[in-house]
Amino acid sequence: MFEALIAGLIIVALLLAAWLPPTWILWLGVGLGALGAIVGVPAGIVYHLRLWRALRAVGHPTAGMWIRPHALHEHLDEGTREGIRVIFALGAAGFVVTLIGAAGVVTAVARLLW
């Protein structure tokens, strides 16, 4: 079901990209990219700091934390893990919104140039 939702959203996005004026898409992409960065970057910083502190508190090494930090969640107790997952999800959502905004900007620029 989730895959069908994603496919439907992609189809709607493609139809809107063909129908909306490119300048609207450009500004929508800039707005989404900025919103995603405003939410995602601070959340990412807070997430990495909290994860680092939590791992140090339980005595687990923090090596590899910057490459695959989510793999280290299993080394935390349940209460700490849940708090960290909320910030992780917020940062990930901000990242996805930033990528969608960037795709909108690229789409608009391509349509404006061709």
PDB file of N, CA and C in Angstrom:
ATOM      1  N   MET A   1       0.817  -1.192   0.000  1.00  0.00           N
ATOM      2  CA  MET A   1       0.000   0.000   0.000  1.00  0.00           C
ATOM      3  C   MET A   1       0.861   1.256   0.000  1.00  0.00           C
ATOM      4  N   PHE A   2       1.941   1.209   0.798  1.00  0.00           N
ATOM      5  CA  PHE A   2       2.830   2.361   0.865  1.00  0.00           C
ATOM      6  C   PHE A   2       3.459   2.648  -0.497  1.00  0.00           C
ATOM      7  N   GLU A   3       3.830   1.595  -1.214  1.00  0.00           N
ATOM      8  CA  GLU A   3       4.432   1.763  -2.540  1.00  0.00           C
ATOM      9  C   GLU A   3       3.440   2.393  -3.513  1.00  0.00           C
ATOM     10  N   ALA A   4       2.171   2.018  -3.412  1.00  0.00           N
ATOM     11  CA  ALA A   4       1.140   2.603  -4.275  1.00  0.00           C
ATOM     12  C   ALA A   4       0.977   4.089  -3.979  1.00  0.00           C
ATOM     13  N   LEU A   5       1.062   4.462  -2.713  1.00  0.00           N
ATOM     14  CA  LEU A   5       0.987   5.873  -2.345  1.00  0.00           C
ATOM     15  C   LEU A   5       2.155   6.650  -2.941  1.00  0.00           C
ATOM     16  N   ILE A   6       3.350   6.103  -2.833  1.00  0.00           N
ATOM     17  CA  ILE A   6       4.535   6.752  -3.411  1.00  0.00           C
ATOM     18  C   ILE A   6       4.373   6.890  -4.924  1.00  0.00           C
ATOM     19  N   ALA A   7       3.935   5.837  -5.591  1.00  0.00           N
ATOM     20  CA  ALA A   7       3.738   5.885  -7.046  1.00  0.00           C
ATOM     21  C   ALA A   7       2.698   6.935  -7.413  1.00  0.00           C
ATOM     22  N   GLY A   8       1.627   7.013  -6.661  1.00  0.00           N
ATOM     23  CA  GLY A   8       0.600   8.020  -6.919  1.00  0.00           C
ATOM     24  C   GLY A   8       1.126   9.430  -6.742  1.00  0.00           C
ATOM     25  N   LEU A   9       1.923   9.642  -5.706  1.00  0.00           N
ATOM     26  CA  LEU A   9       2.514  10.962  -5.484  1.00  0.00           C
ATOM     27  C   LEU A   9       3.481  11.337  -6.601  1.00  0.00           C
ATOM     28  N   ILE A  10       4.223  10.378  -7.102  1.00  0.00           N
ATOM     29  CA  ILE A  10       5.134  10.651  -8.220  1.00  0.00           C
ATOM     30  C   ILE A  10       4.345  11.040  -9.463  1.00  0.00           C
ATOM     31  N   ILE A  11       3.262  10.336  -9.734  1.00  0.00           N
ATOM     32  CA  ILE A  11       2.435  10.663 -10.904  1.00  0.00           C
ATOM     33  C   ILE A  11       1.841  12.055 -10.762  1.00  0.00           C
ATOM     34  N   VAL A  12       1.335  12.387  -9.582  1.00  0.00           N
ATOM     35  CA  VAL A  12       0.779  13.725  -9.352  1.00  0.00           C
ATOM     36  C   VAL A  12       1.867  14.786  -9.522  1.00  0.00           C
ATOM     37  N   ALA A  13       3.058  14.532  -8.996  1.00  0.00           N
ATOM     38  CA  ALA A  13       4.158  15.490  -9.128  1.00  0.00           C
ATOM     39  C   ALA A  13       4.542  15.697 -10.588  1.00  0.00           C
ATOM     40  N   LEU A  14       4.576  14.627 -11.368  1.00  0.00           N
ATOM     41  CA  LEU A  14       4.909  14.755 -12.791  1.00  0.00           C
ATOM     42  C   LEU A  14       3.832  15.531 -13.546  1.00  0.00           C
ATOM     43  N   LEU A  15       2.579  15.270 -13.230  1.00  0.00           N
ATOM     44  CA  LEU A  15       1.495  16.016 -13.876  1.00  0.00           C
ATOM     45  C   LEU A  15       1.547  17.495 -13.507  1.00  0.00           C
ATOM     46  N   LEU A  16       1.802  17.790 -12.244  1.00  0.00           N
ATOM     47  CA  LEU A  16       1.921  19.188 -11.834  1.00  0.00           C
ATOM     48  C   LEU A  16       3.127  19.858 -12.480  1.00  0.00           C
ATOM     49  N   ALA A  17       4.225  19.127 -12.615  1.00  0.00           N
ATOM     50  CA  ALA A  17       5.422  19.686 -13.247  1.00  0.00           C
ATOM     51  C   ALA A  17       5.167  20.033 -14.703  1.00  0.00           C
ATOM     52  N   ALA A  18       4.302  19.279 -15.358  1.00  0.00           N
ATOM     53  CA  ALA A  18       3.977  19.564 -16.756  1.00  0.00           C
ATOM     54  C   ALA A  18       2.932  20.666 -16.878  1.00  0.00           C
ATOM     55  N   TRP A  19       2.096  20.834 -15.882  1.00  0.00           N
ATOM     56  CA  TRP A  19       0.963  21.749 -15.969  1.00  0.00           C
ATOM     57  C   TRP A  19       1.264  23.135 -15.402  1.00  0.00           C
ATOM     58  N   LEU A  20       1.990  23.201 -14.286  1.00  0.00           N
ATOM     59  CA  LEU A  20       2.273  24.487 -13.643  1.00  0.00           C
ATOM     60  C   LEU A  20       3.324  25.276 -14.419  1.00  0.00           C
ATOM     61  N   PRO A  21       3.235  26.593 -14.378  1.00  0.00           N
ATOM     62  CA  PRO A  21       4.290  27.409 -15.000  1.00  0.00           C
ATOM     63  C   PRO A  21       5.637  27.163 -14.309  1.00  0.00           C
ATOM     64  N   PRO A  22       6.727  27.185 -15.075  1.00  0.00           N
ATOM     65  CA  PRO A  22       8.042  26.882 -14.494  1.00  0.00           C
ATOM     66  C   PRO A  22       8.447  27.819 -13.358  1.00  0.00           C
ATOM     67  N   THR A  23       8.053  29.082 -13.427  1.00  0.00           N
ATOM     68  CA  THR A  23       8.439  29.992 -12.339  1.00  0.00           C
ATOM     69  C   THR A  23       7.752  29.617 -11.028  1.00  0.00           C
ATOM     70  N   TRP A  24       6.525  29.117 -11.107  1.00  0.00           N
ATOM     71  CA  TRP A  24       5.847  28.653  -9.893  1.00  0.00           C
ATOM     72  C   TRP A  24       6.590  27.460  -9.305  1.00  0.00           C
ATOM     73  N   ILE A  25       6.986  26.544 -10.186  1.00  0.00           N
ATOM     74  CA  ILE A  25       7.715  25.354  -9.731  1.00  0.00           C
ATOM     75  C   ILE A  25       9.047  25.769  -9.107  1.00  0.00           C
ATOM     76  N   LEU A  26       9.697  26.751  -9.718  1.00  0.00           N
ATOM     77  CA  LEU A  26      10.974  27.234  -9.198  1.00  0.00           C
ATOM     78  C   LEU A  26      10.809  27.760  -7.776  1.00  0.00           C
ATOM     79  N   TRP A  27       9.844  28.639  -7.574  1.00  0.00           N
ATOM     80  CA  TRP A  27       9.662  29.228  -6.253  1.00  0.00           C
ATOM     81  C   TRP A  27       9.143  28.221  -5.237  1.00  0.00           C
ATOM     82  N   LEU A  28       8.314  27.296  -5.685  1.00  0.00           N
ATOM     83  CA  LEU A  28       7.862  26.229  -4.794  1.00  0.00           C
ATOM     84  C   LEU A  28       9.049  25.360  -4.370  1.00  0.00           C
ATOM     85  N   GLY A  29       9.928  25.052  -5.326  1.00  0.00           N
ATOM     86  CA  GLY A  29      11.123  24.266  -5.011  1.00  0.00           C
ATOM     87  C   GLY A  29      12.053  24.990  -4.060  1.00  0.00           C
ATOM     88  N   VAL A  30      12.241  26.291  -4.289  1.00  0.00           N
ATOM     89  CA  VAL A  30      13.094  27.081  -3.392  1.00  0.00           C
ATOM     90  C   VAL A  30      12.493  27.102  -1.986  1.00  0.00           C
ATOM     91  N   GLY A  31      11.181  27.297  -1.921  1.00  0.00           N
ATOM     92  CA  GLY A  31      10.518  27.326  -0.615  1.00  0.00           C
ATOM     93  C   GLY A  31      10.611  25.998   0.116  1.00  0.00           C
ATOM     94  N   LEU A  32      10.360  24.901  -0.605  1.00  0.00           N
ATOM     95  CA  LEU A  32      10.455  23.582   0.025  1.00  0.00           C
ATOM     96  C   LEU A  32      11.889  23.273   0.449  1.00  0.00           C
ATOM     97  N   GLY A  33      12.844  23.627  -0.404  1.00  0.00           N
ATOM     98  CA  GLY A  33      14.243  23.393  -0.053  1.00  0.00           C
ATOM     99  C   GLY A  33      14.652  24.164   1.188  1.00  0.00           C
ATOM    100  N   ALA A  34      14.225  25.423   1.261  1.00  0.00           N
ATOM    101  CA  ALA A  34      14.547  26.237   2.434  1.00  0.00           C
ATOM    102  C   ALA A  34      13.861  25.695   3.686  1.00  0.00           C
ATOM    103  N   LEU A  35      12.590  25.332   3.562  1.00  0.00           N
ATOM    104  CA  LEU A  35      11.863  24.783   4.705  1.00  0.00           C
ATOM    105  C   LEU A  35      12.513  23.487   5.196  1.00  0.00           C
ATOM    106  N   GLY A  36      12.860  22.619   4.258  1.00  0.00           N
ATOM    107  CA  GLY A  36      13.506  21.368   4.635  1.00  0.00           C
ATOM    108  C   GLY A  36      14.837  21.596   5.324  1.00  0.00           C
ATOM    109  N   ALA A  37      15.604  22.562   4.826  1.00  0.00           N
ATOM    110  CA  ALA A  37      16.900  22.854   5.437  1.00  0.00           C
ATOM    111  C   ALA A  37      16.739  23.501   6.809  1.00  0.00           C
ATOM    112  N   ILE A  38      15.746  24.379   6.934  1.00  0.00           N
ATOM    113  CA  ILE A  38      15.514  25.043   8.222  1.00  0.00           C
ATOM    114  C   ILE A  38      15.127  24.030   9.294  1.00  0.00           C
ATOM    115  N   VAL A  39      14.384  23.009   8.907  1.00  0.00           N
ATOM    116  CA  VAL A  39      13.976  21.972   9.861  1.00  0.00           C
ATOM    117  C   VAL A  39      15.051  20.892   9.979  1.00  0.00           C
ATOM    118  N   GLY A  40      15.562  20.425   8.847  1.00  0.00           N
ATOM    119  CA  GLY A  40      16.434  19.259   8.828  1.00  0.00           C
ATOM    120  C   GLY A  40      17.834  19.476   9.359  1.00  0.00           C
ATOM    121  N   VAL A  41      18.447  20.607   9.048  1.00  0.00           N
ATOM    122  CA  VAL A  41      19.834  20.822   9.477  1.00  0.00           C
ATOM    123  C   VAL A  41      19.945  20.929  11.001  1.00  0.00           C
ATOM    124  N   PRO A  42      19.144  21.776  11.652  1.00  0.00           N
ATOM    125  CA  PRO A  42      19.241  21.796  13.121  1.00  0.00           C
ATOM    126  C   PRO A  42      18.869  20.455  13.757  1.00  0.00           C
ATOM    127  N   ALA A  43      17.857  19.790  13.203  1.00  0.00           N
ATOM    128  CA  ALA A  43      17.474  18.481  13.749  1.00  0.00           C
ATOM    129  C   ALA A  43      18.613  17.482  13.587  1.00  0.00           C
ATOM    130  N   GLY A  44      19.309  17.534  12.459  1.00  0.00           N
ATOM    131  CA  GLY A  44      20.440  16.640  12.241  1.00  0.00           C
ATOM    132  C   GLY A  44      21.573  16.898  13.216  1.00  0.00           C
ATOM    133  N   ILE A  45      21.837  18.161  13.476  1.00  0.00           N
ATOM    134  CA  ILE A  45      22.898  18.504  14.430  1.00  0.00           C
ATOM    135  C   ILE A  45      22.531  18.019  15.829  1.00  0.00           C
ATOM    136  N   VAL A  46      21.299  18.310  16.245  1.00  0.00           N
ATOM    137  CA  VAL A  46      20.846  17.877  17.574  1.00  0.00           C
ATOM    138  C   VAL A  46      20.859  16.353  17.668  1.00  0.00           C
ATOM    139  N   TYR A  47      20.408  15.684  16.619  1.00  0.00           N
ATOM    140  CA  TYR A  47      20.384  14.214  16.609  1.00  0.00           C
ATOM    141  C   TYR A  47      21.783  13.641  16.813  1.00  0.00           C
ATOM    142  N   HIS A  48      22.748  14.121  16.030  1.00  0.00           N
ATOM    143  CA  HIS A  48      24.097  13.575  16.137  1.00  0.00           C
ATOM    144  C   HIS A  48      24.720  13.868  17.507  1.00  0.00           C
ATOM    145  N   LEU A  49      24.466  15.059  18.036  1.00  0.00           N
ATOM    146  CA  LEU A  49      24.992  15.375  19.368  1.00  0.00           C
ATOM    147  C   LEU A  49      24.366  14.488  20.443  1.00  0.00           C
ATOM    148  N   ARG A  50      23.042  14.314  20.382  1.00  0.00           N
ATOM    149  CA  ARG A  50      22.373  13.467  21.383  1.00  0.00           C
ATOM    150  C   ARG A  50      22.808  12.008  21.259  1.00  0.00           C
ATOM    151  N   LEU A  51      22.946  11.535  20.035  1.00  0.00           N
ATOM    152  CA  LEU A  51      23.387  10.153  19.845  1.00  0.00           C
ATOM    153  C   LEU A  51      24.799   9.969  20.377  1.00  0.00           C
ATOM    154  N   TRP A  52      25.683  10.906  20.079  1.00  0.00           N
ATOM    155  CA  TRP A  52      27.057  10.823  20.556  1.00  0.00           C
ATOM    156  C   TRP A  52      27.095  10.783  22.082  1.00  0.00           C
ATOM    157  N   ARG A  53      26.337  11.685  22.708  1.00  0.00           N
ATOM    158  CA  ARG A  53      26.300  11.721  24.176  1.00  0.00           C
ATOM    159  C   ARG A  53      25.737  10.426  24.756  1.00  0.00           C
ATOM    160  N   ALA A  54      24.665   9.920  24.142  1.00  0.00           N
ATOM    161  CA  ALA A  54      24.035   8.695  24.644  1.00  0.00           C
ATOM    162  C   ALA A  54      24.971   7.503  24.501  1.00  0.00           C
ATOM    163  N   LEU A  55      25.682   7.416  23.391  1.00  0.00           N
ATOM    164  CA  LEU A  55      26.624   6.311  23.199  1.00  0.00           C
ATOM    165  C   LEU A  55      27.783   6.395  24.183  1.00  0.00           C
ATOM    166  N   ARG A  56      28.263   7.599  24.417  1.00  0.00           N
ATOM    167  CA  ARG A  56      29.359   7.782  25.378  1.00  0.00           C
ATOM    168  C   ARG A  56      28.900   7.435  26.796  1.00  0.00           C
ATOM    169  N   ALA A  57      27.636   7.743  27.103  1.00  0.00           N
ATOM    170  CA  ALA A  57      27.109   7.470  28.446  1.00  0.00           C
ATOM    171  C   ALA A  57      27.041   5.970  28.736  1.00  0.00           C
ATOM    172  N   VAL A  58      26.767   5.160  27.713  1.00  0.00           N
ATOM    173  CA  VAL A  58      26.708   3.707  27.926  1.00  0.00           C
ATOM    174  C   VAL A  58      28.051   3.038  27.648  1.00  0.00           C
ATOM    175  N   GLY A  59      29.064   3.825  27.287  1.00  0.00           N
ATOM    176  CA  GLY A  59      30.397   3.282  27.068  1.00  0.00           C
ATOM    177  C   GLY A  59      30.601   2.611  25.727  1.00  0.00           C
ATOM    178  N   HIS A  60      29.731   2.879  24.781  1.00  0.00           N
ATOM    179  CA  HIS A  60      29.869   2.274  23.451  1.00  0.00           C
ATOM    180  C   HIS A  60      30.709   3.197  22.569  1.00  0.00           C
ATOM    181  N   PRO A  61      31.621   2.646  21.757  1.00  0.00           N
ATOM    182  CA  PRO A  61      32.423   3.493  20.873  1.00  0.00           C
ATOM    183  C   PRO A  61      31.547   4.194  19.831  1.00  0.00           C
ATOM    184  N   THR A  62      31.974   5.376  19.446  1.00  0.00           N
ATOM    185  CA  THR A  62      31.206   6.171  18.481  1.00  0.00           C
ATOM    186  C   THR A  62      31.784   6.082  17.077  1.00  0.00           C
ATOM    187  N   ALA A  63      32.699   5.166  16.842  1.00  0.00           N
ATOM    188  CA  ALA A  63      33.290   5.011  15.509  1.00  0.00           C
ATOM    189  C   ALA A  63      32.207   4.638  14.503  1.00  0.00           C
ATOM    190  N   GLY A  64      32.244   5.268  13.354  1.00  0.00           N
ATOM    191  CA  GLY A  64      31.274   4.994  12.298  1.00  0.00           C
ATOM    192  C   GLY A  64      29.955   5.725  12.467  1.00  0.00           C
ATOM    193  N   MET A  65      29.873   6.551  13.492  1.00  0.00           N
ATOM    194  CA  MET A  65      28.624   7.244  13.778  1.00  0.00           C
ATOM    195  C   MET A  65      28.217   8.198  12.665  1.00  0.00           C
ATOM    196  N   TRP A  66      29.145   8.764  11.967  1.00  0.00           N
ATOM    197  CA  TRP A  66      28.828   9.757  10.936  1.00  0.00           C
ATOM    198  C   TRP A  66      28.434   9.098   9.622  1.00  0.00           C
ATOM    199  N   ILE A  67      28.728   7.807   9.475  1.00  0.00           N
ATOM    200  CA  ILE A  67      28.394   7.117   8.231  1.00  0.00           C
ATOM    201  C   ILE A  67      27.047   6.413   8.340  1.00  0.00           C
ATOM    202  N   ARG A  68      26.858   5.621   9.394  1.00  0.00           N
ATOM    203  CA  ARG A  68      25.595   4.879   9.591  1.00  0.00           C
ATOM    204  C   ARG A  68      25.151   5.015  11.042  1.00  0.00           C
ATOM    205  N   PRO A  69      24.692   6.192  11.429  1.00  0.00           N
ATOM    206  CA  PRO A  69      24.351   6.383  12.840  1.00  0.00           C
ATOM    207  C   PRO A  69      23.151   5.560  13.300  1.00  0.00           C
ATOM    208  N   HIS A  70      22.204   5.314  12.411  1.00  0.00           N
ATOM    209  CA  HIS A  70      21.007   4.564  12.815  1.00  0.00           C
ATOM    210  C   HIS A  70      21.336   3.135  13.242  1.00  0.00           C
ATOM    211  N   ALA A  71      22.453   2.599  12.769  1.00  0.00           N
ATOM    212  CA  ALA A  71      22.846   1.242  13.160  1.00  0.00           C
ATOM    213  C   ALA A  71      23.264   1.179  14.628  1.00  0.00           C
ATOM    214  N   LEU A  72      23.579   2.321  15.205  1.00  0.00           N
ATOM    215  CA  LEU A  72      24.014   2.357  16.603  1.00  0.00           C
ATOM    216  C   LEU A  72      22.851   2.506  17.582  1.00  0.00           C
ATOM    217  N   HIS A  73      21.639   2.693  17.079  1.00  0.00           N
ATOM    218  CA  HIS A  73      20.479   2.860  17.960  1.00  0.00           C
ATOM    219  C   HIS A  73      20.268   1.643  18.853  1.00  0.00           C
ATOM    220  N   GLU A  74      20.615   0.468  18.356  1.00  0.00           N
ATOM    221  CA  GLU A  74      20.363  -0.764  19.108  1.00  0.00           C
ATOM    222  C   GLU A  74      21.183  -0.855  20.390  1.00  0.00           C
ATOM    223  N   HIS A  75      22.211  -0.027  20.517  1.00  0.00           N
ATOM    224  CA  HIS A  75      23.061  -0.071  21.703  1.00  0.00           C
ATOM    225  C   HIS A  75      22.532   0.810  22.834  1.00  0.00           C
ATOM    226  N   LEU A  76      21.405   1.460  22.609  1.00  0.00           N
ATOM    227  CA  LEU A  76      20.834   2.364  23.606  1.00  0.00           C
ATOM    228  C   LEU A  76      19.655   1.702  24.307  1.00  0.00           C
ATOM    229  N   ASP A  77      19.361   2.166  25.529  1.00  0.00           N
ATOM    230  CA  ASP A  77      18.175   1.638  26.207  1.00  0.00           C
ATOM    231  C   ASP A  77      16.924   2.211  25.538  1.00  0.00           C
ATOM    232  N   GLU A  78      15.790   1.591  25.813  1.00  0.00           N
ATOM    233  CA  GLU A  78      14.546   1.907  25.095  1.00  0.00           C
ATOM    234  C   GLU A  78      14.131   3.373  25.237  1.00  0.00           C
ATOM    235  N   GLY A  79      14.217   3.931  26.423  1.00  0.00           N
ATOM    236  CA  GLY A  79      13.812   5.322  26.630  1.00  0.00           C
ATOM    237  C   GLY A  79      14.670   6.296  25.846  1.00  0.00           C
ATOM    238  N   THR A  80      15.968   6.103  25.896  1.00  0.00           N
ATOM    239  CA  THR A  80      16.887   6.966  25.152  1.00  0.00           C
ATOM    240  C   THR A  80      16.694   6.782  23.657  1.00  0.00           C
ATOM    241  N   ARG A  81      16.521   5.545  23.238  1.00  0.00           N
ATOM    242  CA  ARG A  81      16.347   5.235  21.812  1.00  0.00           C
ATOM    243  C   ARG A  81      15.123   5.944  21.236  1.00  0.00           C
ATOM    244  N   GLU A  82      14.015   5.938  21.964  1.00  0.00           N
ATOM    245  CA  GLU A  82      12.792   6.572  21.456  1.00  0.00           C
ATOM    246  C   GLU A  82      12.978   8.076  21.285  1.00  0.00           C
ATOM    247  N   GLY A  83      13.626   8.720  22.250  1.00  0.00           N
ATOM    248  CA  GLY A  83      13.883  10.158  22.131  1.00  0.00           C
ATOM    249  C   GLY A  83      14.776  10.482  20.951  1.00  0.00           C
ATOM    250  N   ILE A  84      15.753   9.638  20.710  1.00  0.00           N
ATOM    251  CA  ILE A  84      16.673   9.867  19.598  1.00  0.00           C
ATOM    252  C   ILE A  84      15.977   9.594  18.268  1.00  0.00           C
ATOM    253  N   ARG A  85      15.110   8.611  18.231  1.00  0.00           N
ATOM    254  CA  ARG A  85      14.406   8.297  16.979  1.00  0.00           C
ATOM    255  C   ARG A  85      13.481   9.425  16.537  1.00  0.00           C
ATOM    256  N   VAL A  86      12.902  10.145  17.476  1.00  0.00           N
ATOM    257  CA  VAL A  86      12.035  11.274  17.117  1.00  0.00           C
ATOM    258  C   VAL A  86      12.851  12.337  16.388  1.00  0.00           C
ATOM    259  N   ILE A  87      13.993  12.692  16.940  1.00  0.00           N
ATOM    260  CA  ILE A  87      14.858  13.687  16.299  1.00  0.00           C
ATOM    261  C   ILE A  87      15.384  13.152  14.970  1.00  0.00           C
ATOM    262  N   PHE A  88      15.715  11.866  14.923  1.00  0.00           N
ATOM    263  CA  PHE A  88      16.177  11.227  13.687  1.00  0.00           C
ATOM    264  C   PHE A  88      15.116  11.353  12.595  1.00  0.00           C
ATOM    265  N   ALA A  89      13.860  11.058  12.942  1.00  0.00           N
ATOM    266  CA  ALA A  89      12.767  11.137  11.968  1.00  0.00           C
ATOM    267  C   ALA A  89      12.545  12.570  11.507  1.00  0.00           C
ATOM    268  N   LEU A  90      12.647  13.523  12.410  1.00  0.00           N
ATOM    269  CA  LEU A  90      12.474  14.930  12.047  1.00  0.00           C
ATOM    270  C   LEU A  90      13.568  15.372  11.079  1.00  0.00           C
ATOM    271  N   GLY A  91      14.804  15.006  11.359  1.00  0.00           N
ATOM    272  CA  GLY A  91      15.907  15.344  10.458  1.00  0.00           C
ATOM    273  C   GLY A  91      15.775  14.667   9.109  1.00  0.00           C
ATOM    274  N   ALA A  92      15.356  13.405   9.111  1.00  0.00           N
ATOM    275  CA  ALA A  92      15.166  12.678   7.852  1.00  0.00           C
ATOM    276  C   ALA A  92      14.046  13.303   7.031  1.00  0.00           C
ATOM    277  N   ALA A  93      12.964  13.705   7.688  1.00  0.00           N
ATOM    278  CA  ALA A  93      11.862  14.356   6.975  1.00  0.00           C
ATOM    279  C   ALA A  93      12.322  15.681   6.372  1.00  0.00           C
ATOM    280  N   GLY A  94      13.103  16.442   7.125  1.00  0.00           N
ATOM    281  CA  GLY A  94      13.646  17.690   6.587  1.00  0.00           C
ATOM    282  C   GLY A  94      14.535  17.442   5.386  1.00  0.00           C
ATOM    283  N   PHE A  95      15.327  16.386   5.440  1.00  0.00           N
ATOM    284  CA  PHE A  95      16.196  16.034   4.321  1.00  0.00           C
ATOM    285  C   PHE A  95      15.383  15.686   3.081  1.00  0.00           C
ATOM    286  N   VAL A  96      14.318  14.898   3.262  1.00  0.00           N
ATOM    287  CA  VAL A  96      13.471  14.507   2.130  1.00  0.00           C
ATOM    288  C   VAL A  96      12.788  15.731   1.525  1.00  0.00           C
ATOM    289  N   VAL A  97      12.295  16.639   2.362  1.00  0.00           N
ATOM    290  CA  VAL A  97      11.654  17.859   1.853  1.00  0.00           C
ATOM    291  C   VAL A  97      12.673  18.701   1.089  1.00  0.00           C
ATOM    292  N   THR A  98      13.907  18.766   1.571  1.00  0.00           N
ATOM    293  CA  THR A  98      14.957  19.494   0.857  1.00  0.00           C
ATOM    294  C   THR A  98      15.227  18.868  -0.507  1.00  0.00           C
ATOM    295  N   LEU A  99      15.270  17.548  -0.577  1.00  0.00           N
ATOM    296  CA  LEU A  99      15.479  16.871  -1.862  1.00  0.00           C
ATOM    297  C   LEU A  99      14.326  17.125  -2.826  1.00  0.00           C
ATOM    298  N   ILE A 100      13.102  17.121  -2.322  1.00  0.00           N
ATOM    299  CA  ILE A 100      11.946  17.409  -3.176  1.00  0.00           C
ATOM    300  C   ILE A 100      12.033  18.838  -3.700  1.00  0.00           C
ATOM    301  N   GLY A 101      12.424  19.767  -2.848  1.00  0.00           N
ATOM    302  CA  GLY A 101      12.608  21.147  -3.290  1.00  0.00           C
ATOM    303  C   GLY A 101      13.692  21.270  -4.344  1.00  0.00           C
ATOM    304  N   ALA A 102      14.798  20.562  -4.152  1.00  0.00           N
ATOM    305  CA  ALA A 102      15.879  20.591  -5.140  1.00  0.00           C
ATOM    306  C   ALA A 102      15.419  20.012  -6.469  1.00  0.00           C
ATOM    307  N   ALA A 103      14.630  18.943  -6.420  1.00  0.00           N
ATOM    308  CA  ALA A 103      14.088  18.364  -7.655  1.00  0.00           C
ATOM    309  C   ALA A 103      13.172  19.360  -8.353  1.00  0.00           C
ATOM    310  N   GLY A 104      12.404  20.117  -7.583  1.00  0.00           N
ATOM    311  CA  GLY A 104      11.553  21.148  -8.169  1.00  0.00           C
ATOM    312  C   GLY A 104      12.359  22.239  -8.843  1.00  0.00           C
ATOM    313  N   VAL A 105      13.435  22.668  -8.210  1.00  0.00           N
ATOM    314  CA  VAL A 105      14.289  23.704  -8.808  1.00  0.00           C
ATOM    315  C   VAL A 105      14.916  23.196 -10.098  1.00  0.00           C
ATOM    316  N   VAL A 106      15.432  21.980 -10.086  1.00  0.00           N
ATOM    317  CA  VAL A 106      16.041  21.407 -11.293  1.00  0.00           C
ATOM    318  C   VAL A 106      15.004  21.274 -12.403  1.00  0.00           C
ATOM    319  N   THR A 107      13.806  20.828 -12.054  1.00  0.00           N
ATOM    320  CA  THR A 107      12.736  20.697 -13.046  1.00  0.00           C
ATOM    321  C   THR A 107      12.387  22.052 -13.643  1.00  0.00           C
ATOM    322  N   ALA A 108      12.261  23.062 -12.801  1.00  0.00           N
ATOM    323  CA  ALA A 108      11.913  24.400 -13.283  1.00  0.00           C
ATOM    324  C   ALA A 108      13.002  24.970 -14.180  1.00  0.00           C
ATOM    325  N   VAL A 109      14.246  24.817 -13.782  1.00  0.00           N
ATOM    326  CA  VAL A 109      15.350  25.336 -14.599  1.00  0.00           C
ATOM    327  C   VAL A 109      15.393  24.618 -15.940  1.00  0.00           C
ATOM    328  N   ALA A 110      15.209  23.313 -15.927  1.00  0.00           N
ATOM    329  CA  ALA A 110      15.199  22.562 -17.188  1.00  0.00           C
ATOM    330  C   ALA A 110      14.070  23.043 -18.093  1.00  0.00           C
ATOM    331  N   ARG A 111      12.894  23.262 -17.539  1.00  0.00           N
ATOM    332  CA  ARG A 111      11.770  23.740 -18.351  1.00  0.00           C
ATOM    333  C   ARG A 111      12.005  25.158 -18.846  1.00  0.00           C
ATOM    334  N   LEU A 112      12.652  25.988 -18.050  1.00  0.00           N
ATOM    335  CA  LEU A 112      12.927  27.365 -18.476  1.00  0.00           C
ATOM    336  C   LEU A 112      13.977  27.413 -19.580  1.00  0.00           C
ATOM    337  N   LEU A 113      14.910  26.477 -19.569  1.00  0.00           N
ATOM    338  CA  LEU A 113      15.972  26.476 -20.578  1.00  0.00           C
ATOM    339  C   LEU A 113      15.553  25.815 -21.880  1.00  0.00           C
ATOM    340  N   TRP A 114      14.557  24.912 -21.814  1.00  0.00           N
ATOM    341  CA  TRP A 114      14.145  24.242 -23.035  1.00  0.00           C
ATOM    342  C   TRP A 114      12.819  24.732 -23.412  1.00  0.00           C
TER     343      TRP A 114
END
